[in-house]
Amino acid sequence: MCNVDVEHICHLFFDCPFANSCWSCMGGGYNMAEVEYVSTWLLEKLEVETEDNLIKMVKVLWGIWFVRNRKIWEDKTVTLQIATEISSRMITEWKAAQSKQQGGGQVLSSSEPGSSHFKIGMVLRDDTGAFVAGMLKNFDENASILEAEATGVQEVLQWVCGLGVSQVVVESDSLIVVNVLRKNSQYVSEVGSIFECCRAVFHQRCDLKVQHVRRQANRVAHSIAKLPCMSGTMNWFSTPPPCVLEMIVSDFSSV
């Protein structure tokens, strides 16, 4: 990134001026002058360092790698402050996912209809807004916008029930879908059966709610829905995809 030396693991993560700034921001760094194999050195650190120090190391290493990839693949420059903030959020969200806390969360769904298929993007967050998990499904069939949006809610309900989480608010930016589900009104069309399946789950699970959000508030799910995914398959995200990291940080900062 600095064009001072050939990129190798020691220079990238420890000797590069940007890397030095990152380590200084975390309260210090490491003298790698006598380290022959960085990978072996890291494994040794895993055995002897405290949990707090290991977390600091992960924050710095992941932040440097994130900035490097943005520079190489997207020709974008990320400041030290943003890199540190994103790294900190990643650690927090990873801990939340590992703890598998039950309840107090929200799931956002978004559909991306195409000419011969449609995709559903889903995001699960905890009660603080931290990313817990994401899902992308690609359906190899034609669907109207309404059918795709209704299917998104149906898929979210199946996903939440499968994960075993409780006290969840399902959010969709389709006002028609939300109104039909909340008012229990009859909807006679090709999506009527989808609505009935969703209502059955809401009736069985009083801890699940559905509410409408504006499209701007659903941008993370929309971005996930736009990601590549083979037809008829699904992708699971235990950490936020790079394309939504800054959105998540922005959302969290505005809370």
Protein backbone atom coordinates (compact mmCIF):
# COMPACT_ATOMS: atom_id res chain seq x y z
CA MET A 1 0.00 0.00 0.00
CA CYS A 2 2.87 2.36 0.74
CA ASN A 3 4.97 1.44 -2.33
CA VAL A 4 8.07 1.44 -0.12
CA ASP A 5 8.76 -2.29 -0.19
CA VAL A 6 7.54 -5.44 -1.93
CA GLU A 7 4.36 -6.61 -0.24
CA HIS A 8 5.03 -9.51 2.08
CA ILE A 9 3.30 -10.52 5.28
CA CYS A 10 5.76 -8.86 7.66
CA HIS A 11 5.87 -5.56 5.79
CA LEU A 12 2.11 -5.42 5.19
CA PHE A 13 1.04 -6.07 8.79
CA PHE A 14 3.96 -4.64 10.80
CA ASP A 15 6.57 -2.59 8.92
CA CYS A 16 4.40 -0.50 6.59
CA PRO A 17 3.88 3.10 7.83
CA PHE A 18 0.09 2.58 7.80
CA ALA A 19 0.52 -0.63 9.83
CA ASN A 20 2.70 1.23 12.34
CA SER A 21 -0.03 3.85 12.71
CA CYS A 22 -2.61 1.14 13.34
CA TRP A 23 -0.50 -0.52 16.02
CA SER A 24 0.21 2.83 17.66
CA CYS A 25 -3.52 3.55 17.73
CA MET A 26 -3.99 0.34 19.72
CA GLY A 27 -1.31 1.28 22.24
CA GLY A 28 1.89 -0.15 20.79
CA GLY A 29 3.40 -2.58 18.34
CA TYR A 30 5.86 -5.44 17.96
CA ASN A 31 9.53 -5.54 16.98
CA MET A 32 9.64 -8.02 14.10
CA ALA A 33 13.32 -7.55 13.24
CA GLU A 34 14.31 -11.00 14.49
CA VAL A 35 11.12 -12.82 13.50
CA GLU A 36 11.78 -15.29 10.69
CA TYR A 37 8.29 -16.72 10.16
CA VAL A 38 5.36 -14.46 11.00
CA SER A 39 2.85 -17.34 10.89
CA THR A 40 4.80 -19.25 13.55
CA TRP A 41 5.13 -16.09 15.62
CA LEU A 42 1.36 -15.56 15.51
CA LEU A 43 0.67 -19.14 16.61
CA GLU A 44 3.00 -18.64 19.57
CA LYS A 45 1.17 -15.44 20.49
CA LEU A 46 -2.11 -17.35 20.56
CA GLU A 47 -0.66 -19.51 23.32
CA VAL A 48 0.83 -16.82 25.55
CA GLU A 49 -1.07 -13.54 25.05
CA THR A 50 -4.04 -12.49 27.17
CA GLU A 51 -7.51 -12.38 25.61
CA ASP A 52 -7.49 -8.57 25.61
CA ASN A 53 -4.18 -8.44 23.75
CA LEU A 54 -5.34 -11.03 21.23
CA ILE A 55 -8.45 -8.99 20.54
CA LYS A 56 -6.29 -5.92 19.92
CA MET A 57 -4.12 -7.94 17.53
CA VAL A 58 -7.13 -9.18 15.61
CA LYS A 59 -8.51 -5.64 15.33
CA VAL A 60 -5.26 -4.35 13.85
CA LEU A 61 -4.58 -7.30 11.53
CA TRP A 62 -8.14 -7.40 10.18
CA GLY A 63 -8.26 -3.61 9.78
CA ILE A 64 -5.02 -3.59 7.77
CA TRP A 65 -6.25 -6.44 5.58
CA PHE A 66 -9.56 -4.65 4.97
CA VAL A 67 -7.83 -1.40 3.98
CA ARG A 68 -5.39 -3.27 1.74
CA ASN A 69 -8.21 -5.05 -0.13
CA ARG A 70 -10.17 -1.84 -0.62
CA LYS A 71 -7.08 -0.19 -2.07
CA ILE A 72 -6.06 -3.10 -4.32
CA TRP A 73 -9.46 -4.21 -5.62
CA GLU A 74 -11.55 -1.05 -5.50
CA ASP A 75 -8.88 1.69 -5.61
CA LYS A 76 -10.44 3.28 -2.53
CA THR A 77 -8.60 4.74 0.43
CA VAL A 78 -9.89 4.10 3.96
CA THR A 79 -8.73 6.28 6.83
CA LEU A 80 -7.18 4.89 9.99
CA GLN A 81 -10.20 5.99 12.03
CA ILE A 82 -12.67 4.16 9.78
CA ALA A 83 -10.51 1.04 9.65
CA THR A 84 -10.26 0.95 13.45
CA GLU A 85 -13.98 1.53 13.91
CA ILE A 86 -14.91 -1.21 11.43
CA SER A 87 -12.50 -3.64 13.09
CA SER A 88 -13.98 -2.91 16.51
CA ARG A 89 -17.49 -3.45 15.17
CA MET A 90 -16.44 -6.75 13.61
CA ILE A 91 -15.16 -8.02 16.96
CA THR A 92 -18.35 -6.96 18.73
CA GLU A 93 -20.55 -8.59 16.12
CA TRP A 94 -18.50 -11.78 16.12
CA LYS A 95 -18.86 -12.05 19.90
CA ALA A 96 -22.62 -11.50 19.60
CA ALA A 97 -22.90 -14.25 16.98
CA GLN A 98 -20.80 -16.67 19.04
CA SER A 99 -22.81 -16.11 22.20
CA LYS A 100 -26.00 -17.14 20.34
CA GLN A 101 -28.14 -14.87 22.45
CA GLN A 102 -31.82 -15.59 22.17
CA GLY A 103 -34.14 -12.73 21.35
CA GLY A 104 -34.11 -9.01 21.13
CA GLY A 105 -33.34 -8.82 17.44
CA GLN A 106 -34.54 -7.74 14.05
CA VAL A 107 -34.51 -9.34 10.62
CA LEU A 108 -34.64 -7.27 7.45
CA SER A 109 -35.54 -8.77 4.10
CA SER A 110 -35.18 -7.45 0.59
CA SER A 111 -35.96 -8.88 -2.84
CA GLU A 112 -34.15 -8.35 -6.13
CA PRO A 113 -36.43 -9.54 -8.97
CA GLY A 114 -34.86 -10.44 -12.31
CA SER A 115 -36.10 -11.57 -15.71
CA SER A 116 -35.90 -15.29 -14.92
CA HIS A 117 -35.09 -15.42 -11.23
CA PHE A 118 -35.19 -13.40 -8.03
CA LYS A 119 -32.96 -13.12 -4.98
CA ILE A 120 -33.79 -12.56 -1.32
CA GLY A 121 -31.37 -10.77 1.01
CA MET A 122 -31.80 -11.18 4.77
CA VAL A 123 -29.97 -9.65 7.75
CA LEU A 124 -30.29 -10.67 11.40
CA ARG A 125 -29.27 -8.08 14.01
CA ASP A 126 -29.38 -8.09 17.80
CA ASP A 127 -31.11 -5.51 19.96
CA THR A 128 -28.10 -3.17 19.72
CA GLY A 129 -28.12 -3.23 15.91
CA ALA A 130 -25.02 -5.42 15.67
CA PHE A 131 -24.78 -7.83 12.74
CA VAL A 132 -25.43 -11.45 13.79
CA ALA A 133 -25.87 -13.23 10.45
CA GLY A 134 -26.92 -12.75 6.85
CA MET A 135 -28.51 -14.90 4.16
CA LEU A 136 -28.82 -14.69 0.38
CA LYS A 137 -31.09 -17.01 -1.62
CA ASN A 138 -31.48 -17.16 -5.38
CA PHE A 139 -34.78 -18.54 -6.70
CA ASP A 140 -34.70 -19.98 -10.20
CA GLU A 141 -38.19 -18.83 -11.20
CA ASN A 142 -40.16 -15.81 -12.38
CA ALA A 143 -41.97 -13.74 -9.77
CA SER A 144 -43.77 -10.42 -9.53
CA ILE A 145 -42.37 -7.78 -7.18
CA LEU A 146 -45.17 -8.47 -4.69
CA GLU A 147 -44.57 -12.22 -4.80
CA ALA A 148 -40.83 -11.71 -4.31
CA GLU A 149 -41.40 -9.40 -1.32
CA ALA A 150 -43.89 -11.80 0.28
CA THR A 151 -41.51 -14.70 -0.28
CA GLY A 152 -38.83 -12.65 1.45
CA VAL A 153 -40.90 -12.46 4.63
CA GLN A 154 -41.75 -16.16 4.40
CA GLU A 155 -38.05 -17.06 4.04
CA VAL A 156 -37.16 -14.83 6.99
CA LEU A 157 -39.70 -16.59 9.20
CA GLN A 158 -38.37 -20.01 8.22
CA TRP A 159 -34.82 -18.83 8.87
CA VAL A 160 -35.61 -17.34 12.29
CA CYS A 161 -37.53 -20.42 13.40
CA GLY A 162 -34.70 -22.65 12.23
CA LEU A 163 -32.15 -20.63 14.22
CA GLY A 164 -34.29 -20.85 17.34
CA VAL A 165 -34.15 -17.13 18.11
CA SER A 166 -37.02 -15.35 19.84
CA GLN A 167 -38.38 -11.82 20.34
CA VAL A 168 -37.70 -10.86 16.72
CA VAL A 169 -39.11 -7.99 14.67
CA VAL A 170 -39.34 -8.79 10.96
CA GLU A 171 -38.88 -5.63 8.90
CA SER A 172 -39.78 -5.19 5.23
CA ASP A 173 -39.92 -2.12 3.01
CA SER A 174 -42.99 -3.48 1.22
CA LEU A 175 -45.91 -1.60 2.79
CA ILE A 176 -48.46 -3.80 0.97
CA VAL A 177 -46.99 -7.01 2.39
CA VAL A 178 -46.79 -5.60 5.93
CA ASN A 179 -50.34 -4.23 5.84
CA VAL A 180 -51.80 -7.52 4.56
CA LEU A 181 -50.04 -9.48 7.31
CA ARG A 182 -50.85 -7.05 10.13
CA LYS A 183 -54.52 -6.55 9.21
CA ASN A 184 -55.21 -10.23 8.50
CA SER A 185 -57.06 -9.20 5.36
CA GLN A 186 -57.76 -11.68 2.59
CA TYR A 187 -55.58 -11.42 -0.47
CA VAL A 188 -56.77 -13.51 -3.39
CA SER A 189 -53.92 -13.81 -5.88
CA GLU A 190 -50.89 -15.89 -6.64
CA VAL A 191 -49.34 -14.76 -3.32
CA GLY A 192 -52.38 -15.57 -1.19
CA SER A 193 -50.92 -18.91 -0.08
CA ILE A 194 -47.64 -17.23 0.92
CA PHE A 195 -49.51 -14.75 3.12
CA GLU A 196 -51.44 -17.58 4.76
CA CYS A 197 -48.22 -19.43 5.58
CA CYS A 198 -46.74 -16.29 7.11
CA ARG A 199 -49.87 -15.60 9.17
CA ALA A 200 -49.80 -19.14 10.52
CA VAL A 201 -46.26 -18.60 11.85
CA PHE A 202 -47.13 -15.23 13.40
CA HIS A 203 -50.18 -16.79 15.11
CA GLN A 204 -48.05 -19.60 16.53
CA ARG A 205 -45.20 -17.32 17.58
CA CYS A 206 -46.49 -14.32 19.51
CA ASP A 207 -42.90 -13.16 20.04
CA LEU A 208 -42.51 -12.47 16.31
CA LYS A 209 -43.70 -9.13 14.92
CA VAL A 210 -43.72 -7.55 11.47
CA GLN A 211 -43.31 -3.86 10.70
CA HIS A 212 -42.65 -1.59 7.75
CA VAL A 213 -39.40 0.32 7.25
CA ARG A 214 -38.39 2.76 4.56
CA ARG A 215 -36.17 1.49 1.76
CA GLN A 216 -33.27 3.61 3.02
CA ALA A 217 -33.37 1.76 6.35
CA ASN A 218 -33.24 -1.56 4.49
CA ARG A 219 -30.13 -0.83 2.43
CA VAL A 220 -27.99 -3.57 4.01
CA ALA A 221 -30.47 -6.28 3.02
CA HIS A 222 -30.78 -4.71 -0.44
CA SER A 223 -27.02 -4.76 -0.90
CA ILE A 224 -26.84 -8.42 0.12
CA ALA A 225 -29.62 -9.22 -2.37
CA LYS A 226 -27.48 -7.74 -5.14
CA LEU A 227 -24.49 -9.98 -4.43
CA PRO A 228 -23.66 -12.82 -6.85
CA CYS A 229 -25.29 -16.14 -6.04
CA MET A 230 -25.69 -19.24 -8.19
CA SER A 231 -29.23 -19.96 -9.32
CA GLY A 232 -31.16 -22.18 -6.93
CA THR A 233 -28.62 -21.83 -4.13
CA MET A 234 -28.12 -19.81 -0.95
CA ASN A 235 -25.16 -18.12 0.74
CA TRP A 236 -24.74 -17.78 4.51
CA PHE A 237 -22.79 -14.88 6.06
CA SER A 238 -21.50 -15.21 9.61
CA THR A 239 -19.72 -11.86 9.20
CA PRO A 240 -20.84 -8.84 7.16
CA PRO A 241 -19.86 -8.89 3.47
CA PRO A 242 -17.32 -6.12 2.68
CA CYS A 243 -19.89 -4.20 0.61
CA VAL A 244 -22.07 -3.50 3.68
CA LEU A 245 -19.46 -2.86 6.38
CA GLU A 246 -19.56 0.92 6.13
CA MET A 247 -23.38 0.87 6.03
CA ILE A 248 -23.50 -1.14 9.26
CA VAL A 249 -21.03 1.18 10.98
CA SER A 250 -23.05 4.19 9.78
CA ASP A 251 -26.32 2.67 10.99
CA PHE A 252 -24.82 1.87 14.36
CA SER A 253 -23.28 5.32 14.75
CA SER A 254 -26.65 6.96 14.11
CA VAL A 255 -28.46 4.96 16.78
